[in-house]
Amino acid sequence: MLADALDAFSQIFSPPFRRVMWKSLGLTAAILAAAGFALDRLAVSYIHVGPAWLSFVLSTLVGLGLVVGAIVLAPPAVSLAAGFYLDEIAAIVERSIDSRGPPGTPLPFGPALALGLRFAVLSIAVNFVVLVLTVFAGVGLAAFFVLNGYLIGREYFELAAMRRVSASEARDLFDRHWLEVFGAGVIVAALVAVPVLNLLAPLFATALMIRVVKRVS
C-alpha cells in the first residue's frame, strides 16, 4: 500500500499529469469564482438595509463567509472539476503500470458527471458532519480521517474499478476489499488535510486507486 502511494504521489508531478493538473485547476478556479460571485450577489441584496453600522457588520460577515466558503468548497470543487479528466488520468496510470495490457473503458459522460456531482455533495455533507463533531464533540480530527477515508476510498476505488467491470461488480469488489480500500482512502484524506496539496488529491487518489484495483483484481 505504501509503495503504491509513493508511486502514485511521484507520478502526479510527471509531465503528462501536469498537463491534466493545469486543466483541472483552471476549471476548479472557474467553479469557485462562479460560486463566489453568486453568493456575493445574493448577499449584497441583504446588506444595504437598516443603519450604517448594521450594513458594516453584515458586509464583514459576508466577507468572512465567502473566505470560509471558499475553503470549505475547494475540495468538492476540485473533485468535481477533476471528474472531467479522471479517465485521462486513469489511462496514463494504466499505461505506466502495464503498457501491453488492454486499456480500461472510459465511463460515459453522463454517468461520470452524475458520479462527480454525487461525490461533491457527499463530500460537503461529510465535512459538515466533521465540523459539527469538532464543535460539539471534540472528535473532529478522528471523524475527518474516518469519514473522508471511507468516502474517498470507496468513490475513487469504484470509479477506477468501473473502467474494468460493471458498477455492481465494482461494488462487490469493494465489499471484498473494503479494509484495504479504506486504508488507501485515509492516505488520500491525509493529503486533503494539507492546504494547497489538497488541490492535487483527486489526481493522487485516481493514480493510487488504479494501482489498488489492479492489485486486488
N, C-alpha and C. Protein backbone atom coordinates (compact mmCIF):
# COMPACT_ATOMS: atom_id res chain seq x y z
N MET A 1 0.82 -1.21 0.00
CA MET A 1 0.00 0.00 0.00
C MET A 1 0.86 1.26 0.00
N LEU A 2 1.87 1.29 0.89
CA LEU A 2 2.73 2.47 0.95
C LEU A 2 3.52 2.63 -0.35
N ALA A 3 3.94 1.49 -0.91
CA ALA A 3 4.67 1.56 -2.19
C ALA A 3 3.76 2.12 -3.28
N ASP A 4 2.50 1.69 -3.30
CA ASP A 4 1.54 2.22 -4.28
C ASP A 4 1.36 3.72 -4.08
N ALA A 5 1.25 4.14 -2.81
CA ALA A 5 1.05 5.56 -2.51
C ALA A 5 2.24 6.40 -2.95
N LEU A 6 3.44 5.91 -2.70
CA LEU A 6 4.64 6.65 -3.10
C LEU A 6 4.76 6.73 -4.61
N ASP A 7 4.46 5.62 -5.29
CA ASP A 7 4.50 5.63 -6.76
C ASP A 7 3.47 6.61 -7.32
N ALA A 8 2.27 6.60 -6.73
CA ALA A 8 1.20 7.48 -7.21
C ALA A 8 1.56 8.94 -6.98
N PHE A 9 2.13 9.25 -5.81
CA PHE A 9 2.47 10.64 -5.50
C PHE A 9 3.56 11.15 -6.42
N SER A 10 4.57 10.32 -6.70
CA SER A 10 5.65 10.76 -7.59
C SER A 10 5.14 10.94 -9.02
N GLN A 11 4.14 10.16 -9.41
CA GLN A 11 3.65 10.24 -10.79
C GLN A 11 2.87 11.51 -11.06
N ILE A 12 2.22 12.08 -10.03
CA ILE A 12 1.39 13.26 -10.30
C ILE A 12 2.22 14.48 -10.68
N PHE A 13 3.54 14.40 -10.51
CA PHE A 13 4.40 15.52 -10.91
C PHE A 13 5.06 15.27 -12.27
N SER A 14 4.70 14.16 -12.93
CA SER A 14 5.25 13.86 -14.24
C SER A 14 4.61 14.76 -15.29
N PRO A 15 5.26 14.99 -16.43
CA PRO A 15 4.72 15.90 -17.45
C PRO A 15 3.30 15.58 -17.90
N PRO A 16 2.93 14.31 -18.17
CA PRO A 16 1.54 14.05 -18.59
C PRO A 16 0.53 14.47 -17.53
N PHE A 17 0.85 14.23 -16.26
CA PHE A 17 -0.05 14.60 -15.18
C PHE A 17 -0.13 16.11 -15.03
N ARG A 18 0.98 16.80 -15.23
CA ARG A 18 0.97 18.25 -15.07
C ARG A 18 0.02 18.91 -16.06
N ARG A 19 -0.05 18.38 -17.27
CA ARG A 19 -0.97 18.95 -18.26
C ARG A 19 -2.41 18.81 -17.79
N VAL A 20 -2.75 17.65 -17.26
CA VAL A 20 -4.11 17.43 -16.76
C VAL A 20 -4.36 18.29 -15.52
N MET A 21 -3.33 18.41 -14.67
CA MET A 21 -3.47 19.18 -13.44
C MET A 21 -3.84 20.63 -13.72
N TRP A 22 -3.17 21.25 -14.70
CA TRP A 22 -3.46 22.66 -15.00
C TRP A 22 -4.87 22.83 -15.55
N LYS A 23 -5.31 21.87 -16.35
CA LYS A 23 -6.69 21.94 -16.85
C LYS A 23 -7.69 21.81 -15.71
N SER A 24 -7.42 20.87 -14.81
CA SER A 24 -8.31 20.64 -13.67
C SER A 24 -8.35 21.85 -12.74
N LEU A 25 -7.18 22.43 -12.45
CA LEU A 25 -7.14 23.59 -11.56
C LEU A 25 -7.80 24.81 -12.20
N GLY A 26 -7.67 24.95 -13.52
CA GLY A 26 -8.33 26.06 -14.21
C GLY A 26 -9.84 25.95 -14.10
N LEU A 27 -10.37 24.74 -14.29
CA LEU A 27 -11.81 24.55 -14.16
C LEU A 27 -12.26 24.73 -12.72
N THR A 28 -11.43 24.29 -11.76
CA THR A 28 -11.74 24.49 -10.34
C THR A 28 -11.86 25.98 -10.02
N ALA A 29 -10.90 26.76 -10.50
CA ALA A 29 -10.93 28.21 -10.26
C ALA A 29 -12.19 28.83 -10.84
N ALA A 30 -12.60 28.37 -12.02
CA ALA A 30 -13.81 28.90 -12.64
C ALA A 30 -15.05 28.54 -11.81
N ILE A 31 -15.11 27.31 -11.30
CA ILE A 31 -16.25 26.89 -10.48
C ILE A 31 -16.32 27.70 -9.19
N LEU A 32 -15.17 27.87 -8.52
CA LEU A 32 -15.15 28.65 -7.28
C LEU A 32 -15.48 30.11 -7.52
N ALA A 33 -14.99 30.67 -8.62
CA ALA A 33 -15.29 32.07 -8.93
C ALA A 33 -16.78 32.25 -9.19
N ALA A 34 -17.38 31.32 -9.92
CA ALA A 34 -18.81 31.42 -10.20
C ALA A 34 -19.63 31.28 -8.92
N ALA A 35 -19.22 30.34 -8.05
CA ALA A 35 -19.93 30.15 -6.79
C ALA A 35 -19.78 31.38 -5.90
N GLY A 36 -18.55 31.93 -5.84
CA GLY A 36 -18.32 33.12 -5.03
C GLY A 36 -19.11 34.32 -5.53
N PHE A 37 -19.17 34.49 -6.85
CA PHE A 37 -19.92 35.61 -7.42
C PHE A 37 -21.42 35.47 -7.10
N ALA A 38 -21.92 34.25 -7.24
CA ALA A 38 -23.34 34.03 -6.96
C ALA A 38 -23.67 34.31 -5.49
N LEU A 39 -22.81 33.82 -4.59
CA LEU A 39 -23.04 34.07 -3.16
C LEU A 39 -22.92 35.55 -2.83
N ASP A 40 -21.97 36.22 -3.46
CA ASP A 40 -21.77 37.65 -3.20
C ASP A 40 -22.98 38.45 -3.67
N ARG A 41 -23.50 38.15 -4.87
CA ARG A 41 -24.66 38.87 -5.38
C ARG A 41 -25.89 38.62 -4.50
N LEU A 42 -26.00 37.37 -4.01
CA LEU A 42 -27.13 37.04 -3.15
C LEU A 42 -27.05 37.80 -1.83
N ALA A 43 -25.82 37.87 -1.29
CA ALA A 43 -25.64 38.53 0.00
C ALA A 43 -25.80 40.04 -0.10
N VAL A 44 -25.33 40.64 -1.21
CA VAL A 44 -25.37 42.10 -1.36
C VAL A 44 -26.80 42.63 -1.29
N SER A 45 -27.74 41.84 -1.77
CA SER A 45 -29.13 42.30 -1.77
C SER A 45 -29.69 42.46 -0.36
N TYR A 46 -28.99 41.86 0.64
CA TYR A 46 -29.48 41.97 2.02
C TYR A 46 -28.60 42.85 2.89
N ILE A 47 -27.49 43.38 2.34
CA ILE A 47 -26.56 44.14 3.17
C ILE A 47 -27.03 45.57 3.41
N HIS A 48 -27.47 46.25 2.37
CA HIS A 48 -27.77 47.67 2.48
C HIS A 48 -29.18 47.89 3.03
N VAL A 49 -29.34 47.44 4.23
CA VAL A 49 -30.61 47.64 4.93
C VAL A 49 -30.32 48.18 6.32
N GLY A 50 -31.22 48.99 6.85
CA GLY A 50 -31.06 49.49 8.20
C GLY A 50 -29.96 50.51 8.33
N PRO A 51 -29.48 50.76 9.57
CA PRO A 51 -28.45 51.76 9.82
C PRO A 51 -27.09 51.35 9.24
N ALA A 52 -26.18 52.35 9.17
CA ALA A 52 -24.88 52.11 8.56
C ALA A 52 -24.08 51.05 9.31
N TRP A 53 -24.16 51.07 10.67
CA TRP A 53 -23.37 50.11 11.43
C TRP A 53 -23.80 48.67 11.13
N LEU A 54 -25.12 48.50 10.91
CA LEU A 54 -25.61 47.15 10.60
C LEU A 54 -25.11 46.69 9.22
N SER A 55 -25.10 47.61 8.27
CA SER A 55 -24.57 47.28 6.94
C SER A 55 -23.09 46.89 7.02
N PHE A 56 -22.33 47.62 7.88
CA PHE A 56 -20.92 47.31 8.04
C PHE A 56 -20.73 45.92 8.62
N VAL A 57 -21.50 45.59 9.65
CA VAL A 57 -21.40 44.27 10.28
C VAL A 57 -21.76 43.17 9.29
N LEU A 58 -22.82 43.41 8.53
CA LEU A 58 -23.24 42.41 7.55
C LEU A 58 -22.19 42.23 6.46
N SER A 59 -21.60 43.34 6.01
CA SER A 59 -20.56 43.27 4.98
C SER A 59 -19.36 42.46 5.48
N THR A 60 -18.97 42.71 6.74
CA THR A 60 -17.84 41.97 7.33
C THR A 60 -18.15 40.49 7.41
N LEU A 61 -19.35 40.17 7.87
CA LEU A 61 -19.74 38.76 8.00
C LEU A 61 -19.79 38.08 6.63
N VAL A 62 -20.29 38.80 5.64
CA VAL A 62 -20.34 38.23 4.29
C VAL A 62 -18.94 37.96 3.76
N GLY A 63 -18.01 38.93 3.99
CA GLY A 63 -16.63 38.73 3.55
C GLY A 63 -16.00 37.51 4.20
N LEU A 64 -16.18 37.38 5.51
CA LEU A 64 -15.64 36.21 6.21
C LEU A 64 -16.32 34.93 5.72
N GLY A 65 -17.61 35.03 5.47
CA GLY A 65 -18.34 33.85 4.99
C GLY A 65 -17.86 33.39 3.63
N LEU A 66 -17.53 34.35 2.76
CA LEU A 66 -17.02 33.98 1.44
C LEU A 66 -15.65 33.31 1.53
N VAL A 67 -14.80 33.78 2.45
CA VAL A 67 -13.49 33.16 2.64
C VAL A 67 -13.65 31.73 3.16
N VAL A 68 -14.48 31.59 4.21
CA VAL A 68 -14.71 30.26 4.77
C VAL A 68 -15.36 29.34 3.74
N GLY A 69 -16.30 29.91 3.00
CA GLY A 69 -16.97 29.12 1.97
C GLY A 69 -16.02 28.63 0.91
N ALA A 70 -15.07 29.48 0.51
CA ALA A 70 -14.08 29.08 -0.49
C ALA A 70 -13.23 27.94 0.02
N ILE A 71 -12.88 27.99 1.33
CA ILE A 71 -12.06 26.92 1.92
C ILE A 71 -12.84 25.61 1.98
N VAL A 72 -14.11 25.71 2.39
CA VAL A 72 -14.94 24.50 2.52
C VAL A 72 -15.27 23.91 1.16
N LEU A 73 -15.53 24.79 0.19
CA LEU A 73 -15.96 24.31 -1.13
C LEU A 73 -14.80 23.90 -2.03
N ALA A 74 -13.58 24.26 -1.66
CA ALA A 74 -12.44 23.96 -2.53
C ALA A 74 -12.28 22.46 -2.81
N PRO A 75 -12.24 21.59 -1.77
CA PRO A 75 -12.07 20.16 -2.07
C PRO A 75 -13.18 19.57 -2.95
N PRO A 76 -14.48 19.83 -2.65
CA PRO A 76 -15.51 19.32 -3.55
C PRO A 76 -15.41 19.89 -4.96
N ALA A 77 -15.04 21.18 -5.06
CA ALA A 77 -14.92 21.79 -6.39
C ALA A 77 -13.77 21.15 -7.17
N VAL A 78 -12.66 20.88 -6.49
CA VAL A 78 -11.54 20.21 -7.15
C VAL A 78 -11.96 18.83 -7.63
N SER A 79 -12.67 18.10 -6.76
CA SER A 79 -13.11 16.75 -7.13
C SER A 79 -14.07 16.79 -8.32
N LEU A 80 -14.97 17.75 -8.31
CA LEU A 80 -15.92 17.87 -9.42
C LEU A 80 -15.20 18.20 -10.72
N ALA A 81 -14.27 19.15 -10.65
CA ALA A 81 -13.53 19.53 -11.86
C ALA A 81 -12.66 18.38 -12.36
N ALA A 82 -11.99 17.70 -11.41
CA ALA A 82 -11.11 16.60 -11.80
C ALA A 82 -11.90 15.44 -12.39
N GLY A 83 -13.19 15.36 -12.03
CA GLY A 83 -14.02 14.28 -12.57
C GLY A 83 -14.09 14.29 -14.09
N PHE A 84 -13.92 15.46 -14.69
CA PHE A 84 -13.95 15.55 -16.15
C PHE A 84 -12.68 14.98 -16.78
N TYR A 85 -11.63 14.79 -15.97
CA TYR A 85 -10.34 14.35 -16.50
C TYR A 85 -9.86 13.03 -15.89
N LEU A 86 -10.71 12.40 -15.06
CA LEU A 86 -10.26 11.18 -14.37
C LEU A 86 -9.92 10.06 -15.33
N ASP A 87 -10.70 9.93 -16.41
CA ASP A 87 -10.39 8.87 -17.37
C ASP A 87 -9.05 9.12 -18.06
N GLU A 88 -8.77 10.38 -18.34
CA GLU A 88 -7.47 10.71 -18.95
C GLU A 88 -6.33 10.36 -17.99
N ILE A 89 -6.52 10.68 -16.70
CA ILE A 89 -5.52 10.35 -15.70
C ILE A 89 -5.38 8.84 -15.56
N ALA A 90 -6.52 8.15 -15.48
CA ALA A 90 -6.50 6.69 -15.32
C ALA A 90 -5.77 6.01 -16.48
N ALA A 91 -6.00 6.49 -17.69
CA ALA A 91 -5.34 5.90 -18.86
C ALA A 91 -3.83 6.07 -18.77
N ILE A 92 -3.37 7.23 -18.29
CA ILE A 92 -1.93 7.47 -18.13
C ILE A 92 -1.34 6.47 -17.13
N VAL A 93 -2.05 6.27 -16.01
CA VAL A 93 -1.56 5.36 -14.97
C VAL A 93 -1.55 3.92 -15.49
N GLU A 94 -2.60 3.53 -16.17
CA GLU A 94 -2.68 2.17 -16.69
C GLU A 94 -1.54 1.87 -17.66
N ARG A 95 -1.23 2.83 -18.52
CA ARG A 95 -0.14 2.63 -19.47
C ARG A 95 1.20 2.52 -18.76
N SER A 96 1.36 3.30 -17.68
CA SER A 96 2.64 3.27 -16.95
C SER A 96 2.81 1.97 -16.18
N ILE A 97 1.69 1.37 -15.74
CA ILE A 97 1.77 0.11 -14.99
C ILE A 97 1.94 -1.08 -15.92
N ASP A 98 1.17 -1.10 -16.99
CA ASP A 98 1.20 -2.24 -17.91
C ASP A 98 0.93 -1.71 -19.32
N SER A 99 2.00 -1.37 -20.02
CA SER A 99 1.84 -0.75 -21.33
C SER A 99 1.28 -1.72 -22.37
N ARG A 100 1.38 -3.02 -22.13
CA ARG A 100 0.89 -4.00 -23.09
C ARG A 100 -0.52 -4.51 -22.75
N GLY A 101 -1.01 -4.17 -21.59
CA GLY A 101 -2.33 -4.65 -21.18
C GLY A 101 -3.44 -3.89 -21.88
N PRO A 102 -4.64 -4.45 -21.88
CA PRO A 102 -5.77 -3.76 -22.51
C PRO A 102 -6.16 -2.51 -21.72
N PRO A 103 -6.44 -1.42 -22.40
CA PRO A 103 -6.82 -0.19 -21.69
C PRO A 103 -8.21 -0.33 -21.09
N GLY A 104 -8.46 0.44 -20.03
CA GLY A 104 -9.79 0.45 -19.43
C GLY A 104 -10.78 1.18 -20.32
N THR A 105 -12.04 0.99 -20.04
CA THR A 105 -13.10 1.63 -20.82
C THR A 105 -13.56 2.90 -20.10
N PRO A 106 -13.41 4.07 -20.72
CA PRO A 106 -13.86 5.31 -20.07
C PRO A 106 -15.36 5.29 -19.78
N LEU A 107 -15.74 5.89 -18.67
CA LEU A 107 -17.16 6.00 -18.35
C LEU A 107 -17.82 6.99 -19.30
N PRO A 108 -19.07 6.73 -19.70
CA PRO A 108 -19.81 7.72 -20.50
C PRO A 108 -19.93 9.04 -19.73
N PHE A 109 -20.05 10.13 -20.48
CA PHE A 109 -20.05 11.46 -19.85
C PHE A 109 -21.17 11.61 -18.82
N GLY A 110 -22.37 11.15 -19.14
CA GLY A 110 -23.50 11.32 -18.22
C GLY A 110 -23.27 10.66 -16.87
N PRO A 111 -22.99 9.35 -16.84
CA PRO A 111 -22.71 8.69 -15.56
C PRO A 111 -21.51 9.28 -14.82
N ALA A 112 -20.47 9.65 -15.58
CA ALA A 112 -19.29 10.24 -14.95
C ALA A 112 -19.64 11.56 -14.27
N LEU A 113 -20.45 12.39 -14.94
CA LEU A 113 -20.86 13.66 -14.35
C LEU A 113 -21.73 13.43 -13.12
N ALA A 114 -22.65 12.46 -13.20
CA ALA A 114 -23.53 12.15 -12.06
C ALA A 114 -22.72 11.68 -10.87
N LEU A 115 -21.72 10.84 -11.10
CA LEU A 115 -20.87 10.36 -10.02
C LEU A 115 -20.06 11.50 -9.41
N GLY A 116 -19.57 12.41 -10.27
CA GLY A 116 -18.82 13.55 -9.77
C GLY A 116 -19.67 14.46 -8.90
N LEU A 117 -20.90 14.71 -9.33
CA LEU A 117 -21.81 15.54 -8.54
C LEU A 117 -22.16 14.87 -7.22
N ARG A 118 -22.40 13.54 -7.28
CA ARG A 118 -22.73 12.81 -6.06
C ARG A 118 -21.59 12.89 -5.06
N PHE A 119 -20.37 12.72 -5.57
CA PHE A 119 -19.22 12.78 -4.67
C PHE A 119 -19.06 14.18 -4.07
N ALA A 120 -19.27 15.22 -4.88
CA ALA A 120 -19.15 16.59 -4.37
C ALA A 120 -20.17 16.86 -3.27
N VAL A 121 -21.41 16.42 -3.48
CA VAL A 121 -22.45 16.62 -2.47
C VAL A 121 -22.13 15.85 -1.19
N LEU A 122 -21.72 14.59 -1.36
CA LEU A 122 -21.38 13.78 -0.19
C LEU A 122 -20.18 14.36 0.55
N SER A 123 -19.23 14.90 -0.19
CA SER A 123 -18.05 15.50 0.43
C SER A 123 -18.44 16.69 1.29
N ILE A 124 -19.34 17.54 0.77
CA ILE A 124 -19.81 18.68 1.55
C ILE A 124 -20.54 18.21 2.80
N ALA A 125 -21.42 17.20 2.65
CA ALA A 125 -22.18 16.68 3.79
C ALA A 125 -21.26 16.07 4.84
N VAL A 126 -20.30 15.27 4.39
CA VAL A 126 -19.39 14.62 5.33
C VAL A 126 -18.57 15.65 6.10
N ASN A 127 -18.07 16.67 5.42
CA ASN A 127 -17.24 17.65 6.10
C ASN A 127 -18.07 18.59 6.97
N PHE A 128 -19.35 18.74 6.68
CA PHE A 128 -20.24 19.45 7.59
C PHE A 128 -20.41 18.65 8.88
N VAL A 129 -20.56 17.33 8.76
CA VAL A 129 -20.65 16.47 9.94
C VAL A 129 -19.36 16.56 10.75
N VAL A 130 -18.21 16.57 10.07
CA VAL A 130 -16.92 16.71 10.75
C VAL A 130 -16.87 18.02 11.53
N LEU A 131 -17.36 19.11 10.92
CA LEU A 131 -17.37 20.41 11.58
C LEU A 131 -18.24 20.36 12.84
N VAL A 132 -19.42 19.75 12.73
CA VAL A 132 -20.32 19.64 13.89
C VAL A 132 -19.66 18.82 15.00
N LEU A 133 -19.04 17.69 14.64
CA LEU A 133 -18.39 16.85 15.63
C LEU A 133 -17.19 17.56 16.27
N THR A 134 -16.54 18.42 15.51
CA THR A 134 -15.42 19.18 16.06
C THR A 134 -15.91 20.17 17.10
N VAL A 135 -17.01 20.86 16.81
CA VAL A 135 -17.52 21.90 17.70
C VAL A 135 -18.16 21.31 18.94
N PHE A 136 -18.95 20.24 18.76
CA PHE A 136 -19.77 19.74 19.88
C PHE A 136 -19.23 18.49 20.55
N ALA A 137 -18.34 17.76 19.89
CA ALA A 137 -17.85 16.52 20.50
C ALA A 137 -16.33 16.46 20.62
N GLY A 138 -15.63 17.37 19.97
CA GLY A 138 -14.18 17.40 20.07
C GLY A 138 -13.48 16.22 19.42
N VAL A 139 -14.15 15.57 18.48
CA VAL A 139 -13.54 14.41 17.82
C VAL A 139 -13.41 14.68 16.32
N GLY A 140 -13.21 15.93 15.98
CA GLY A 140 -13.19 16.31 14.57
C GLY A 140 -12.07 15.66 13.78
N LEU A 141 -10.87 15.57 14.35
CA LEU A 141 -9.74 15.01 13.61
C LEU A 141 -9.98 13.53 13.28
N ALA A 142 -10.41 12.78 14.29
CA ALA A 142 -10.69 11.36 14.05
C ALA A 142 -11.83 11.19 13.05
N ALA A 143 -12.88 12.01 13.21
CA ALA A 143 -14.03 11.93 12.29
C ALA A 143 -13.61 12.28 10.87
N PHE A 144 -12.72 13.26 10.73
CA PHE A 144 -12.26 13.67 9.41
C PHE A 144 -11.61 12.50 8.67
N PHE A 145 -10.70 11.80 9.34
CA PHE A 145 -9.98 10.71 8.69
C PHE A 145 -10.87 9.49 8.47
N VAL A 146 -11.74 9.19 9.43
CA VAL A 146 -12.61 8.01 9.29
C VAL A 146 -13.63 8.24 8.18
N LEU A 147 -14.36 9.35 8.23
CA LEU A 147 -15.43 9.61 7.26
C LEU A 147 -14.87 9.88 5.87
N ASN A 148 -13.86 10.74 5.79
CA ASN A 148 -13.29 11.04 4.47
C ASN A 148 -12.52 9.85 3.92
N GLY A 149 -11.86 9.09 4.79
CA GLY A 149 -11.15 7.90 4.33
C GLY A 149 -12.10 6.91 3.68
N TYR A 150 -13.25 6.70 4.30
CA TYR A 150 -14.23 5.77 3.74
C TYR A 150 -14.83 6.32 2.44
N LEU A 151 -15.25 7.59 2.48
CA LEU A 151 -15.91 8.18 1.31
C LEU A 151 -14.95 8.26 0.12
N ILE A 152 -13.77 8.82 0.33
CA ILE A 152 -12.81 8.98 -0.75
C ILE A 152 -12.38 7.61 -1.29
N GLY A 153 -12.08 6.70 -0.35
CA GLY A 153 -11.65 5.37 -0.76
C GLY A 153 -12.68 4.68 -1.63
N ARG A 154 -13.93 4.68 -1.18
CA ARG A 154 -14.98 3.98 -1.92
C ARG A 154 -15.25 4.64 -3.27
N GLU A 155 -15.40 5.95 -3.30
CA GLU A 155 -15.75 6.64 -4.54
C GLU A 155 -14.68 6.44 -5.61
N TYR A 156 -13.43 6.67 -5.25
CA TYR A 156 -12.37 6.58 -6.25
C TYR A 156 -12.06 5.13 -6.61
N PHE A 157 -12.19 4.22 -5.65
CA PHE A 157 -11.98 2.80 -5.96
C PHE A 157 -13.02 2.33 -6.97
N GLU A 158 -14.29 2.65 -6.73
CA GLU A 158 -15.34 2.19 -7.64
C GLU A 158 -15.21 2.85 -9.01
N LEU A 159 -14.81 4.13 -9.04
CA LEU A 159 -14.59 4.79 -10.33
C LEU A 159 -13.48 4.10 -11.11
N ALA A 160 -12.40 3.73 -10.41
CA ALA A 160 -11.29 3.04 -11.07
C ALA A 160 -11.72 1.64 -11.52
N ALA A 161 -12.46 0.95 -10.66
CA ALA A 161 -12.87 -0.42 -10.99
C ALA A 161 -13.86 -0.46 -12.15
N MET A 162 -14.69 0.58 -12.27
CA MET A 162 -15.71 0.59 -13.32
C MET A 162 -15.11 0.78 -14.71
N ARG A 163 -13.82 1.04 -14.79
CA ARG A 163 -13.15 1.04 -16.09
C ARG A 163 -12.93 -0.40 -16.57
N ARG A 164 -13.07 -1.36 -15.67
CA ARG A 164 -12.81 -2.76 -15.99
C ARG A 164 -14.05 -3.65 -15.86
N VAL A 165 -14.93 -3.31 -14.91
CA VAL A 165 -16.08 -4.15 -14.62
C VAL A 165 -17.32 -3.28 -14.51
N SER A 166 -18.47 -3.92 -14.36
CA SER A 166 -19.73 -3.18 -14.22
C SER A 166 -19.81 -2.53 -12.84
N ALA A 167 -20.80 -1.65 -12.67
CA ALA A 167 -20.97 -0.94 -11.39
C ALA A 167 -21.23 -1.93 -10.25
N SER A 168 -22.07 -2.94 -10.49
CA SER A 168 -22.37 -3.92 -9.44
C SER A 168 -21.14 -4.74 -9.09
N GLU A 169 -20.34 -5.10 -10.08
CA GLU A 169 -19.10 -5.85 -9.82
C GLU A 169 -18.09 -4.99 -9.08
N ALA A 170 -18.07 -3.68 -9.39
CA ALA A 170 -17.18 -2.77 -8.67
C ALA A 170 -17.56 -2.70 -7.20
N ARG A 171 -18.87 -2.65 -6.90
CA ARG A 171 -19.32 -2.62 -5.51
C ARG A 171 -18.96 -3.92 -4.80
N ASP A 172 -19.13 -5.05 -5.50
CA ASP A 172 -18.77 -6.34 -4.90
C ASP A 172 -17.27 -6.40 -4.61
N LEU A 173 -16.47 -5.87 -5.52
CA LEU A 173 -15.02 -5.85 -5.33
C LEU A 173 -14.67 -5.00 -4.11
N PHE A 174 -15.37 -3.89 -3.96
CA PHE A 174 -15.15 -3.05 -2.78
C PHE A 174 -15.52 -3.79 -1.51
N ASP A 175 -16.65 -4.48 -1.50
CA ASP A 175 -17.09 -5.21 -0.31
C ASP A 175 -16.06 -6.25 0.12
N ARG A 176 -15.39 -6.86 -0.84
CA ARG A 176 -14.42 -7.90 -0.51
C ARG A 176 -13.09 -7.32 -0.01
N HIS A 177 -12.80 -6.08 -0.40
CA HIS A 177 -11.50 -5.50 -0.07
C HIS A 177 -11.66 -4.13 0.61
N TRP A 178 -12.75 -3.94 1.34
CA TRP A 178 -13.07 -2.61 1.87
C TRP A 178 -12.01 -2.10 2.84
N LEU A 179 -11.40 -2.99 3.62
CA LEU A 179 -10.43 -2.53 4.61
C LEU A 179 -9.19 -1.95 3.92
N GLU A 180 -8.71 -2.61 2.89
CA GLU A 180 -7.57 -2.10 2.16
C GLU A 180 -7.91 -0.80 1.44
N VAL A 181 -9.11 -0.74 0.87
CA VAL A 181 -9.55 0.48 0.20
C VAL A 181 -9.68 1.63 1.21
N PHE A 182 -10.21 1.32 2.39
CA PHE A 182 -10.32 2.33 3.43
C PHE A 182 -8.94 2.86 3.82
N GLY A 183 -7.95 1.95 3.94
CA GLY A 183 -6.59 2.40 4.25
C GLY A 183 -6.04 3.34 3.19
N ALA A 184 -6.30 3.02 1.93
CA ALA A 184 -5.85 3.91 0.85
C ALA A 184 -6.59 5.25 0.93
N GLY A 185 -7.88 5.20 1.27
CA GLY A 185 -8.65 6.43 1.40
C GLY A 185 -8.14 7.32 2.51
N VAL A 186 -7.68 6.72 3.61
CA VAL A 186 -7.11 7.51 4.71
C VAL A 186 -5.84 8.22 4.26
N ILE A 187 -5.03 7.53 3.46
CA ILE A 187 -3.82 8.16 2.93
C ILE A 187 -4.18 9.39 2.08
N VAL A 188 -5.21 9.25 1.24
CA VAL A 188 -5.65 10.39 0.43
C VAL A 188 -6.20 11.50 1.33
N ALA A 189 -6.96 11.12 2.36
CA ALA A 189 -7.51 12.11 3.29
C ALA A 189 -6.41 12.92 3.96
N ALA A 190 -5.27 12.27 4.23
CA ALA A 190 -4.14 12.99 4.82
C ALA A 190 -3.65 14.09 3.88
N LEU A 191 -3.68 13.81 2.57
CA LEU A 191 -3.30 14.82 1.59
C LEU A 191 -4.34 15.93 1.52
N VAL A 192 -5.61 15.54 1.63
CA VAL A 192 -6.71 16.52 1.61
C VAL A 192 -6.58 17.50 2.77
N ALA A 193 -6.02 17.05 3.89
CA ALA A 193 -5.91 17.89 5.09
C ALA A 193 -4.83 18.95 4.96
N VAL A 194 -3.99 18.86 3.93
CA VAL A 194 -2.88 19.81 3.77
C VAL A 194 -3.27 20.88 2.75
N PRO A 195 -3.36 22.15 3.16
CA PRO A 195 -3.71 23.21 2.21
C PRO A 195 -2.77 23.22 1.02
N VAL A 196 -3.30 23.58 -0.13
CA VAL A 196 -2.61 23.63 -1.42
C VAL A 196 -2.41 22.22 -1.98
N LEU A 197 -1.81 21.33 -1.19
CA LEU A 197 -1.65 19.96 -1.67
C LEU A 197 -2.99 19.28 -1.88
N ASN A 198 -4.02 19.74 -1.14
CA ASN A 198 -5.34 19.12 -1.32
C ASN A 198 -5.89 19.34 -2.74
N LEU A 199 -5.34 20.32 -3.45
CA LEU A 199 -5.76 20.52 -4.83
C LEU A 199 -5.30 19.38 -5.74
N LEU A 200 -4.29 18.65 -5.28
CA LEU A 200 -3.76 17.52 -6.06
C LEU A 200 -4.42 16.20 -5.66
N ALA A 201 -5.25 16.24 -4.63
CA ALA A 201 -5.81 15.00 -4.08
C ALA A 201 -6.56 14.15 -5.10
N PRO A 202 -7.41 14.71 -5.98
CA PRO A 202 -8.09 13.85 -6.96
C PRO A 202 -7.14 13.14 -7.91
N LEU A 203 -6.07 13.82 -8.33
CA LEU A 203 -5.09 13.18 -9.20
C LEU A 203 -4.40 12.04 -8.46
N PHE A 204 -3.99 12.32 -7.22
CA PHE A 204 -3.33 11.31 -6.41
C PHE A 204 -4.26 10.13 -6.13
N ALA A 205 -5.51 10.43 -5.78
CA ALA A 205 -6.48 9.37 -5.47
C ALA A 205 -6.70 8.46 -6.67
N THR A 206 -6.81 9.05 -7.85
CA THR A 206 -7.01 8.25 -9.06
C THR A 206 -5.80 7.37 -9.33
N ALA A 207 -4.60 7.95 -9.26
CA ALA A 207 -3.38 7.18 -9.52
C ALA A 207 -3.22 6.05 -8.51
N LEU A 208 -3.59 6.31 -7.26
CA LEU A 208 -3.47 5.29 -6.21
C LEU A 208 -4.49 4.18 -6.40
N MET A 209 -5.76 4.56 -6.66
CA MET A 209 -6.81 3.55 -6.74
C MET A 209 -6.70 2.68 -7.98
N ILE A 210 -6.18 3.22 -9.08
CA ILE A 210 -5.93 2.37 -10.25
C ILE A 210 -4.96 1.25 -9.87
N ARG A 211 -3.95 1.59 -9.08
CA ARG A 211 -2.99 0.58 -8.62
C ARG A 211 -3.64 -0.42 -7.67
N VAL A 212 -4.48 0.08 -6.76
CA VAL A 212 -5.15 -0.81 -5.81
C VAL A 212 -6.08 -1.78 -6.54
N VAL A 213 -6.85 -1.24 -7.49
CA VAL A 213 -7.78 -2.10 -8.26
C VAL A 213 -7.01 -3.18 -9.00
N LYS A 214 -5.90 -2.81 -9.62
CA LYS A 214 -5.11 -3.79 -10.38
C LYS A 214 -4.60 -4.88 -9.45
N ARG A 215 -4.18 -4.50 -8.25
CA ARG A 215 -3.60 -5.48 -7.33
C ARG A 215 -4.66 -6.42 -6.76
N VAL A 216 -5.81 -5.89 -6.35
CA VAL A 216 -6.82 -6.75 -5.72
C VAL A 216 -7.61 -7.54 -6.76
N SER A 217 -7.52 -7.14 -8.04
CA SER A 217 -8.24 -7.86 -9.08
C SER A 217 -7.47 -9.10 -9.53
